[in-house]
Amino acid sequence: MRLSATLRYLATGQKFEDLKFLTAISPRSLGRIVIETCEAIISCLSNYIRVPQSEEEWKAIADRFSDDWNFPNCIGAIDGKHIAIKKPPASG
């Protein structure tokens, strides 16, 4: 149930308030479940997933996206889905 709720959240981007009707889990619990499940997935797949560790590695990825796809300032894509990212406070 936890994995199903997490995958649905990641795939659809729906709010926890909307997912509560599909999963019968409170929004507050869904928030905790999604984080815990993502951490478990990362832990289990850590040998297969590599996250860039330096600014230079991130820039190399962005340059490749720009060269290959004419999509500047992109550092990744998931199945063609655009992901809204909120800027950190006081970051300009």
PDB file of N, CA and C in Angstrom:
ATOM      1  N   MET A   1       0.829  -1.184   0.000  1.00  0.00           N
ATOM      2  CA  MET A   1       0.000   0.000   0.000  1.00  0.00           C
ATOM      3  C   MET A   1       0.883   1.261   0.000  1.00  0.00           C
ATOM      4  N   ARG A   2       1.959   1.217   0.804  1.00  0.00           N
ATOM      5  CA  ARG A   2       2.873   2.362   0.882  1.00  0.00           C
ATOM      6  C   ARG A   2       3.561   2.598  -0.457  1.00  0.00           C
ATOM      7  N   LEU A   3       4.050   1.528  -1.074  1.00  0.00           N
ATOM      8  CA  LEU A   3       4.729   1.657  -2.362  1.00  0.00           C
ATOM      9  C   LEU A   3       3.759   2.147  -3.431  1.00  0.00           C
ATOM     10  N   SER A   4       2.563   1.631  -3.427  1.00  0.00           N
ATOM     11  CA  SER A   4       1.560   2.044  -4.395  1.00  0.00           C
ATOM     12  C   SER A   4       1.244   3.535  -4.259  1.00  0.00           C
ATOM     13  N   ALA A   5       1.058   3.998  -3.043  1.00  0.00           N
ATOM     14  CA  ALA A   5       0.759   5.415  -2.803  1.00  0.00           C
ATOM     15  C   ALA A   5       1.939   6.288  -3.235  1.00  0.00           C
ATOM     16  N   THR A   6       3.154   5.850  -2.939  1.00  0.00           N
ATOM     17  CA  THR A   6       4.348   6.620  -3.302  1.00  0.00           C
ATOM     18  C   THR A   6       4.518   6.686  -4.808  1.00  0.00           C
ATOM     19  N   LEU A   7       4.372   5.568  -5.480  1.00  0.00           N
ATOM     20  CA  LEU A   7       4.520   5.554  -6.933  1.00  0.00           C
ATOM     21  C   LEU A   7       3.438   6.394  -7.610  1.00  0.00           C
ATOM     22  N   ARG A   8       2.228   6.345  -7.086  1.00  0.00           N
ATOM     23  CA  ARG A   8       1.160   7.173  -7.649  1.00  0.00           C
ATOM     24  C   ARG A   8       1.475   8.657  -7.468  1.00  0.00           C
ATOM     25  N   TYR A   9       1.988   9.013  -6.300  1.00  0.00           N
ATOM     26  CA  TYR A   9       2.365  10.412  -6.050  1.00  0.00           C
ATOM     27  C   TYR A   9       3.476  10.851  -7.010  1.00  0.00           C
ATOM     28  N   LEU A  10       4.510  10.026  -7.148  1.00  0.00           N
ATOM     29  CA  LEU A  10       5.629  10.377  -8.018  1.00  0.00           C
ATOM     30  C   LEU A  10       5.220  10.422  -9.491  1.00  0.00           C
ATOM     31  N   ALA A  11       4.318   9.546  -9.891  1.00  0.00           N
ATOM     32  CA  ALA A  11       3.907   9.477 -11.297  1.00  0.00           C
ATOM     33  C   ALA A  11       2.938  10.591 -11.683  1.00  0.00           C
ATOM     34  N   THR A  12       2.067  10.977 -10.769  1.00  0.00           N
ATOM     35  CA  THR A  12       1.019  11.936 -11.124  1.00  0.00           C
ATOM     36  C   THR A  12       1.301  13.344 -10.625  1.00  0.00           C
ATOM     37  N   GLY A  13       2.055  13.464  -9.538  1.00  0.00           N
ATOM     38  CA  GLY A  13       2.292  14.776  -8.958  1.00  0.00           C
ATOM     39  C   GLY A  13       1.079  15.339  -8.245  1.00  0.00           C
ATOM     40  N   GLN A  14       0.092  14.478  -7.981  1.00  0.00           N
ATOM     41  CA  GLN A  14      -1.109  14.944  -7.278  1.00  0.00           C
ATOM     42  C   GLN A  14      -0.771  15.374  -5.855  1.00  0.00           C
ATOM     43  N   LYS A  15      -1.592  16.231  -5.305  1.00  0.00           N
ATOM     44  CA  LYS A  15      -1.422  16.667  -3.921  1.00  0.00           C
ATOM     45  C   LYS A  15      -1.850  15.539  -2.997  1.00  0.00           C
ATOM     46  N   PHE A  16      -1.276  15.531  -1.784  1.00  0.00           N
ATOM     47  CA  PHE A  16      -1.651  14.513  -0.801  1.00  0.00           C
ATOM     48  C   PHE A  16      -3.134  14.597  -0.488  1.00  0.00           C
ATOM     49  N   GLU A  17      -3.668  15.793  -0.525  1.00  0.00           N
ATOM     50  CA  GLU A  17      -5.096  15.999  -0.257  1.00  0.00           C
ATOM     51  C   GLU A  17      -5.949  15.239  -1.278  1.00  0.00           C
ATOM     52  N   ASP A  18      -5.499  15.187  -2.541  1.00  0.00           N
ATOM     53  CA  ASP A  18      -6.227  14.448  -3.580  1.00  0.00           C
ATOM     54  C   ASP A  18      -5.983  12.949  -3.466  1.00  0.00           C
ATOM     55  N   LEU A  19      -4.770  12.570  -3.108  1.00  0.00           N
ATOM     56  CA  LEU A  19      -4.437  11.142  -3.011  1.00  0.00           C
ATOM     57  C   LEU A  19      -5.125  10.447  -1.846  1.00  0.00           C
ATOM     58  N   LYS A  20      -5.540  11.212  -0.849  1.00  0.00           N
ATOM     59  CA  LYS A  20      -6.180  10.580   0.310  1.00  0.00           C
ATOM     60  C   LYS A  20      -7.458   9.844  -0.091  1.00  0.00           C
ATOM     61  N   PHE A  21      -8.124  10.309  -1.133  1.00  0.00           N
ATOM     62  CA  PHE A  21      -9.353   9.650  -1.571  1.00  0.00           C
ATOM     63  C   PHE A  21      -9.061   8.329  -2.281  1.00  0.00           C
ATOM     64  N   LEU A  22      -7.930   8.251  -2.965  1.00  0.00           N
ATOM     65  CA  LEU A  22      -7.566   7.024  -3.678  1.00  0.00           C
ATOM     66  C   LEU A  22      -6.939   5.982  -2.764  1.00  0.00           C
ATOM     67  N   THR A  23      -6.260   6.459  -1.707  1.00  0.00           N
ATOM     68  CA  THR A  23      -5.503   5.535  -0.861  1.00  0.00           C
ATOM     69  C   THR A  23      -6.126   5.288   0.505  1.00  0.00           C
ATOM     70  N   ALA A  24      -7.061   6.121   0.904  1.00  0.00           N
ATOM     71  CA  ALA A  24      -7.679   6.048   2.239  1.00  0.00           C
ATOM     72  C   ALA A  24      -6.627   6.252   3.331  1.00  0.00           C
ATOM     73  N   ILE A  25      -5.625   7.099   3.040  1.00  0.00           N
ATOM     74  CA  ILE A  25      -4.576   7.450   3.995  1.00  0.00           C
ATOM     75  C   ILE A  25      -4.605   8.970   4.150  1.00  0.00           C
ATOM     76  N   SER A  26      -4.453   9.444   5.375  1.00  0.00           N
ATOM     77  CA  SER A  26      -4.511  10.884   5.615  1.00  0.00           C
ATOM     78  C   SER A  26      -3.351  11.597   4.911  1.00  0.00           C
ATOM     79  N   PRO A  27      -3.553  12.851   4.501  1.00  0.00           N
ATOM     80  CA  PRO A  27      -2.487  13.604   3.836  1.00  0.00           C
ATOM     81  C   PRO A  27      -1.206  13.695   4.674  1.00  0.00           C
ATOM     82  N   ARG A  28      -1.358  13.869   5.964  1.00  0.00           N
ATOM     83  CA  ARG A  28      -0.182  13.956   6.843  1.00  0.00           C
ATOM     84  C   ARG A  28       0.594  12.640   6.831  1.00  0.00           C
ATOM     85  N   SER A  29      -0.107  11.527   6.901  1.00  0.00           N
ATOM     86  CA  SER A  29       0.554  10.223   6.851  1.00  0.00           C
ATOM     87  C   SER A  29       1.170   9.980   5.481  1.00  0.00           C
ATOM     88  N   LEU A  30       0.476  10.407   4.426  1.00  0.00           N
ATOM     89  CA  LEU A  30       1.021  10.249   3.077  1.00  0.00           C
ATOM     90  C   LEU A  30       2.351  10.981   2.934  1.00  0.00           C
ATOM     91  N   GLY A  31       2.448  12.175   3.498  1.00  0.00           N
ATOM     92  CA  GLY A  31       3.690  12.926   3.439  1.00  0.00           C
ATOM     93  C   GLY A  31       4.839  12.164   4.074  1.00  0.00           C
ATOM     94  N   ARG A  32       4.577  11.544   5.206  1.00  0.00           N
ATOM     95  CA  ARG A  32       5.604  10.756   5.889  1.00  0.00           C
ATOM     96  C   ARG A  32       5.914   9.469   5.129  1.00  0.00           C
ATOM     97  N   ILE A  33       4.872   8.815   4.621  1.00  0.00           N
ATOM     98  CA  ILE A  33       5.042   7.556   3.899  1.00  0.00           C
ATOM     99  C   ILE A  33       5.860   7.752   2.630  1.00  0.00           C
ATOM    100  N   VAL A  34       5.581   8.819   1.883  1.00  0.00           N
ATOM    101  CA  VAL A  34       6.299   9.059   0.625  1.00  0.00           C
ATOM    102  C   VAL A  34       7.790   9.265   0.904  1.00  0.00           C
ATOM    103  N   ILE A  35       8.112  10.046   1.909  1.00  0.00           N
ATOM    104  CA  ILE A  35       9.521  10.278   2.244  1.00  0.00           C
ATOM    105  C   ILE A  35      10.201   8.981   2.674  1.00  0.00           C
ATOM    106  N   GLU A  36       9.566   8.230   3.564  1.00  0.00           N
ATOM    107  CA  GLU A  36      10.149   6.972   4.042  1.00  0.00           C
ATOM    108  C   GLU A  36      10.325   5.968   2.905  1.00  0.00           C
ATOM    109  N   THR A  37       9.337   5.879   2.033  1.00  0.00           N
ATOM    110  CA  THR A  37       9.410   4.924   0.927  1.00  0.00           C
ATOM    111  C   THR A  37      10.488   5.329  -0.075  1.00  0.00           C
ATOM    112  N   CYS A  38      10.594   6.621  -0.367  1.00  0.00           N
ATOM    113  CA  CYS A  38      11.655   7.092  -1.271  1.00  0.00           C
ATOM    114  C   CYS A  38      13.027   6.802  -0.685  1.00  0.00           C
ATOM    115  N   GLU A  39      13.185   7.012   0.616  1.00  0.00           N
ATOM    116  CA  GLU A  39      14.459   6.700   1.267  1.00  0.00           C
ATOM    117  C   GLU A  39      14.767   5.210   1.179  1.00  0.00           C
ATOM    118  N   ALA A  40      13.751   4.361   1.334  1.00  0.00           N
ATOM    119  CA  ALA A  40      13.953   2.914   1.228  1.00  0.00           C
ATOM    120  C   ALA A  40      14.337   2.516  -0.201  1.00  0.00           C
ATOM    121  N   ILE A  41      13.692   3.136  -1.190  1.00  0.00           N
ATOM    122  CA  ILE A  41      14.015   2.842  -2.592  1.00  0.00           C
ATOM    123  C   ILE A  41      15.450   3.256  -2.887  1.00  0.00           C
ATOM    124  N   ILE A  42      15.834   4.438  -2.436  1.00  0.00           N
ATOM    125  CA  ILE A  42      17.204   4.909  -2.648  1.00  0.00           C
ATOM    126  C   ILE A  42      18.198   3.976  -1.980  1.00  0.00           C
ATOM    127  N   SER A  43      17.895   3.554  -0.776  1.00  0.00           N
ATOM    128  CA  SER A  43      18.791   2.650  -0.047  1.00  0.00           C
ATOM    129  C   SER A  43      18.948   1.317  -0.781  1.00  0.00           C
ATOM    130  N   CYS A  44      17.851   0.772  -1.276  1.00  0.00           N
ATOM    131  CA  CYS A  44      17.900  -0.521  -1.961  1.00  0.00           C
ATOM    132  C   CYS A  44      18.573  -0.437  -3.325  1.00  0.00           C
ATOM    133  N   LEU A  45      18.413   0.689  -3.994  1.00  0.00           N
ATOM    134  CA  LEU A  45      18.943   0.830  -5.351  1.00  0.00           C
ATOM    135  C   LEU A  45      20.240   1.630  -5.415  1.00  0.00           C
ATOM    136  N   SER A  46      20.854   1.889  -4.264  1.00  0.00           N
ATOM    137  CA  SER A  46      22.037   2.749  -4.243  1.00  0.00           C
ATOM    138  C   SER A  46      23.185   2.207  -5.089  1.00  0.00           C
ATOM    139  N   ASN A  47      23.247   0.910  -5.287  1.00  0.00           N
ATOM    140  CA  ASN A  47      24.303   0.336  -6.135  1.00  0.00           C
ATOM    141  C   ASN A  47      24.027   0.562  -7.618  1.00  0.00           C
ATOM    142  N   TYR A  48      22.798   0.896  -7.969  1.00  0.00           N
ATOM    143  CA  TYR A  48      22.405   1.040  -9.373  1.00  0.00           C
ATOM    144  C   TYR A  48      22.173   2.493  -9.782  1.00  0.00           C
ATOM    145  N   ILE A  49      22.021   3.381  -8.806  1.00  0.00           N
ATOM    146  CA  ILE A  49      21.742   4.788  -9.078  1.00  0.00           C
ATOM    147  C   ILE A  49      22.932   5.615  -8.609  1.00  0.00           C
ATOM    148  N   ARG A  50      23.394   6.503  -9.482  1.00  0.00           N
ATOM    149  CA  ARG A  50      24.511   7.371  -9.114  1.00  0.00           C
ATOM    150  C   ARG A  50      24.067   8.824  -9.226  1.00  0.00           C
ATOM    151  N   VAL A  51      24.203   9.566  -8.147  1.00  0.00           N
ATOM    152  CA  VAL A  51      23.847  10.975  -8.123  1.00  0.00           C
ATOM    153  C   VAL A  51      25.143  11.783  -8.196  1.00  0.00           C
ATOM    154  N   PRO A  52      25.203  12.789  -9.053  1.00  0.00           N
ATOM    155  CA  PRO A  52      26.417  13.618  -9.134  1.00  0.00           C
ATOM    156  C   PRO A  52      26.793  14.184  -7.766  1.00  0.00           C
ATOM    157  N   GLN A  53      28.098  14.205  -7.499  1.00  0.00           N
ATOM    158  CA  GLN A  53      28.579  14.625  -6.186  1.00  0.00           C
ATOM    159  C   GLN A  53      29.206  16.016  -6.178  1.00  0.00           C
ATOM    160  N   SER A  54      29.426  16.597  -7.349  1.00  0.00           N
ATOM    161  CA  SER A  54      30.068  17.913  -7.381  1.00  0.00           C
ATOM    162  C   SER A  54      29.336  18.832  -8.357  1.00  0.00           C
ATOM    163  N   GLU A  55      29.611  20.113  -8.234  1.00  0.00           N
ATOM    164  CA  GLU A  55      29.001  21.097  -9.115  1.00  0.00           C
ATOM    165  C   GLU A  55      29.408  20.856 -10.562  1.00  0.00           C
ATOM    166  N   GLU A  56      30.653  20.440 -10.765  1.00  0.00           N
ATOM    167  CA  GLU A  56      31.145  20.189 -12.125  1.00  0.00           C
ATOM    168  C   GLU A  56      30.376  19.041 -12.792  1.00  0.00           C
ATOM    169  N   GLU A  57      30.077  18.002 -12.026  1.00  0.00           N
ATOM    170  CA  GLU A  57      29.316  16.873 -12.578  1.00  0.00           C
ATOM    171  C   GLU A  57      27.911  17.316 -12.982  1.00  0.00           C
ATOM    172  N   TRP A  58      27.272  18.151 -12.149  1.00  0.00           N
ATOM    173  CA  TRP A  58      25.934  18.657 -12.482  1.00  0.00           C
ATOM    174  C   TRP A  58      25.997  19.518 -13.740  1.00  0.00           C
ATOM    175  N   LYS A  59      27.032  20.360 -13.853  1.00  0.00           N
ATOM    176  CA  LYS A  59      27.179  21.218 -15.030  1.00  0.00           C
ATOM    177  C   LYS A  59      27.416  20.400 -16.288  1.00  0.00           C
ATOM    178  N   ALA A  60      28.180  19.307 -16.171  1.00  0.00           N
ATOM    179  CA  ALA A  60      28.420  18.435 -17.328  1.00  0.00           C
ATOM    180  C   ALA A  60      27.106  17.814 -17.811  1.00  0.00           C
ATOM    181  N   ILE A  61      26.247  17.441 -16.886  1.00  0.00           N
ATOM    182  CA  ILE A  61      24.945  16.873 -17.251  1.00  0.00           C
ATOM    183  C   ILE A  61      24.101  17.932 -17.948  1.00  0.00           C
ATOM    184  N   ALA A  62      24.074  19.149 -17.408  1.00  0.00           N
ATOM    185  CA  ALA A  62      23.304  20.239 -18.017  1.00  0.00           C
ATOM    186  C   ALA A  62      23.831  20.549 -19.416  1.00  0.00           C
ATOM    187  N   ASP A  63      25.150  20.538 -19.580  1.00  0.00           N
ATOM    188  CA  ASP A  63      25.736  20.801 -20.904  1.00  0.00           C
ATOM    189  C   ASP A  63      25.329  19.719 -21.903  1.00  0.00           C
ATOM    190  N   ARG A  64      25.300  18.486 -21.443  1.00  0.00           N
ATOM    191  CA  ARG A  64      24.919  17.385 -22.348  1.00  0.00           C
ATOM    192  C   ARG A  64      23.449  17.510 -22.771  1.00  0.00           C
ATOM    193  N   PHE A  65      22.575  17.854 -21.823  1.00  0.00           N
ATOM    194  CA  PHE A  65      21.172  18.064 -22.185  1.00  0.00           C
ATOM    195  C   PHE A  65      21.046  19.202 -23.185  1.00  0.00           C
ATOM    196  N   SER A  66      21.817  20.247 -22.979  1.00  0.00           N
ATOM    197  CA  SER A  66      21.775  21.388 -23.891  1.00  0.00           C
ATOM    198  C   SER A  66      22.257  20.992 -25.285  1.00  0.00           C
ATOM    199  N   ASP A  67      23.351  20.233 -25.350  1.00  0.00           N
ATOM    200  CA  ASP A  67      23.913  19.815 -26.639  1.00  0.00           C
ATOM    201  C   ASP A  67      23.010  18.805 -27.356  1.00  0.00           C
ATOM    202  N   ASP A  68      22.561  17.794 -26.627  1.00  0.00           N
ATOM    203  CA  ASP A  68      21.784  16.703 -27.243  1.00  0.00           C
ATOM    204  C   ASP A  68      20.350  17.100 -27.564  1.00  0.00           C
ATOM    205  N   TRP A  69      19.706  17.852 -26.679  1.00  0.00           N
ATOM    206  CA  TRP A  69      18.277  18.099 -26.796  1.00  0.00           C
ATOM    207  C   TRP A  69      17.914  19.571 -26.948  1.00  0.00           C
ATOM    208  N   ASN A  70      18.914  20.450 -26.976  1.00  0.00           N
ATOM    209  CA  ASN A  70      18.663  21.887 -27.050  1.00  0.00           C
ATOM    210  C   ASN A  70      17.742  22.321 -25.899  1.00  0.00           C
ATOM    211  N   PHE A  71      18.060  21.793 -24.716  1.00  0.00           N
ATOM    212  CA  PHE A  71      17.268  22.062 -23.520  1.00  0.00           C
ATOM    213  C   PHE A  71      18.226  22.567 -22.437  1.00  0.00           C
ATOM    214  N   PRO A  72      18.548  23.865 -22.466  1.00  0.00           N
ATOM    215  CA  PRO A  72      19.545  24.395 -21.527  1.00  0.00           C
ATOM    216  C   PRO A  72      19.074  24.390 -20.077  1.00  0.00           C
ATOM    217  N   ASN A  73      20.042  24.312 -19.181  1.00  0.00           N
ATOM    218  CA  ASN A  73      19.811  24.366 -17.733  1.00  0.00           C
ATOM    219  C   ASN A  73      18.975  23.209 -17.207  1.00  0.00           C
ATOM    220  N   CYS A  74      18.951  22.108 -17.919  1.00  0.00           N
ATOM    221  CA  CYS A  74      18.224  20.919 -17.472  1.00  0.00           C
ATOM    222  C   CYS A  74      19.229  19.934 -16.896  1.00  0.00           C
ATOM    223  N   ILE A  75      18.908  19.346 -15.750  1.00  0.00           N
ATOM    224  CA  ILE A  75      19.825  18.376 -15.149  1.00  0.00           C
ATOM    225  C   ILE A  75      19.218  16.969 -15.089  1.00  0.00           C
ATOM    226  N   GLY A  76      18.065  16.788 -15.728  1.00  0.00           N
ATOM    227  CA  GLY A  76      17.477  15.463 -15.756  1.00  0.00           C
ATOM    228  C   GLY A  76      16.035  15.490 -16.204  1.00  0.00           C
ATOM    229  N   ALA A  77      15.565  14.340 -16.628  1.00  0.00           N
ATOM    230  CA  ALA A  77      14.175  14.194 -17.051  1.00  0.00           C
ATOM    231  C   ALA A  77      13.692  12.819 -16.640  1.00  0.00           C
ATOM    232  N   ILE A  78      12.443  12.764 -16.250  1.00  0.00           N
ATOM    233  CA  ILE A  78      11.832  11.498 -15.874  1.00  0.00           C
ATOM    234  C   ILE A  78      10.671  11.250 -16.808  1.00  0.00           C
ATOM    235  N   ASP A  79      10.854  10.360 -17.743  1.00  0.00           N
ATOM    236  CA  ASP A  79       9.786   9.953 -18.647  1.00  0.00           C
ATOM    237  C   ASP A  79       9.105  11.149 -19.296  1.00  0.00           C
ATOM    238  N   GLY A  80       9.873  12.193 -19.567  1.00  0.00           N
ATOM    239  CA  GLY A  80       9.326  13.348 -20.245  1.00  0.00           C
ATOM    240  C   GLY A  80       8.431  14.223 -19.398  1.00  0.00           C
ATOM    241  N   LYS A  81       8.338  13.966 -18.103  1.00  0.00           N
ATOM    242  CA  LYS A  81       7.464  14.753 -17.229  1.00  0.00           C
ATOM    243  C   LYS A  81       8.219  15.953 -16.681  1.00  0.00           C
ATOM    244  N   HIS A  82       7.618  17.130 -16.738  1.00  0.00           N
ATOM    245  CA  HIS A  82       8.215  18.318 -16.152  1.00  0.00           C
ATOM    246  C   HIS A  82       7.904  18.340 -14.662  1.00  0.00           C
ATOM    247  N   ILE A  83       8.896  18.644 -13.870  1.00  0.00           N
ATOM    248  CA  ILE A  83       8.736  18.659 -12.425  1.00  0.00           C
ATOM    249  C   ILE A  83       8.946  20.084 -11.940  1.00  0.00           C
ATOM    250  N   ALA A  84       7.958  20.626 -11.272  1.00  0.00           N
ATOM    251  CA  ALA A  84       8.069  21.980 -10.740  1.00  0.00           C
ATOM    252  C   ALA A  84       8.957  21.956  -9.504  1.00  0.00           C
ATOM    253  N   ILE A  85       9.964  22.803  -9.494  1.00  0.00           N
ATOM    254  CA  ILE A  85      10.883  22.876  -8.365  1.00  0.00           C
ATOM    255  C   ILE A  85      10.793  24.278  -7.779  1.00  0.00           C
ATOM    256  N   LYS A  86      10.599  24.361  -6.472  1.00  0.00           N
ATOM    257  CA  LYS A  86      10.533  25.652  -5.800  1.00  0.00           C
ATOM    258  C   LYS A  86      11.940  26.062  -5.397  1.00  0.00           C
ATOM    259  N   LYS A  87      12.258  27.303  -5.647  1.00  0.00           N
ATOM    260  CA  LYS A  87      13.593  27.801  -5.285  1.00  0.00           C
ATOM    261  C   LYS A  87      13.699  27.926  -3.772  1.00  0.00           C
ATOM    262  N   PRO A  88      14.892  27.711  -3.241  1.00  0.00           N
ATOM    263  CA  PRO A  88      15.089  27.882  -1.800  1.00  0.00           C
ATOM    264  C   PRO A  88      14.889  29.337  -1.397  1.00  0.00           C
ATOM    265  N   PRO A  89      14.472  29.592  -0.178  1.00  0.00           N
ATOM    266  CA  PRO A  89      14.288  30.957   0.296  1.00  0.00           C
ATOM    267  C   PRO A  89      15.586  31.766   0.172  1.00  0.00           C
ATOM    268  N   ALA A  90      15.453  33.026  -0.205  1.00  0.00           N
ATOM    269  CA  ALA A  90      16.573  33.965  -0.312  1.00  0.00           C
ATOM    270  C   ALA A  90      17.648  33.485  -1.279  1.00  0.00           C
ATOM    271  N   SER A  91      17.258  32.765  -2.329  1.00  0.00           N
ATOM    272  CA  SER A  91      18.249  32.266  -3.288  1.00  0.00           C
ATOM    273  C   SER A  91      18.317  33.136  -4.539  1.00  0.00           C
ATOM    274  N   GLY A  92      17.508  34.161  -4.618  1.00  0.00           N
ATOM    275  CA  GLY A  92      17.574  35.059  -5.769  1.00  0.00           C
ATOM    276  C   GLY A  92      16.630  34.672  -6.868  1.00  0.00           C
TER     277      GLY A  92
END
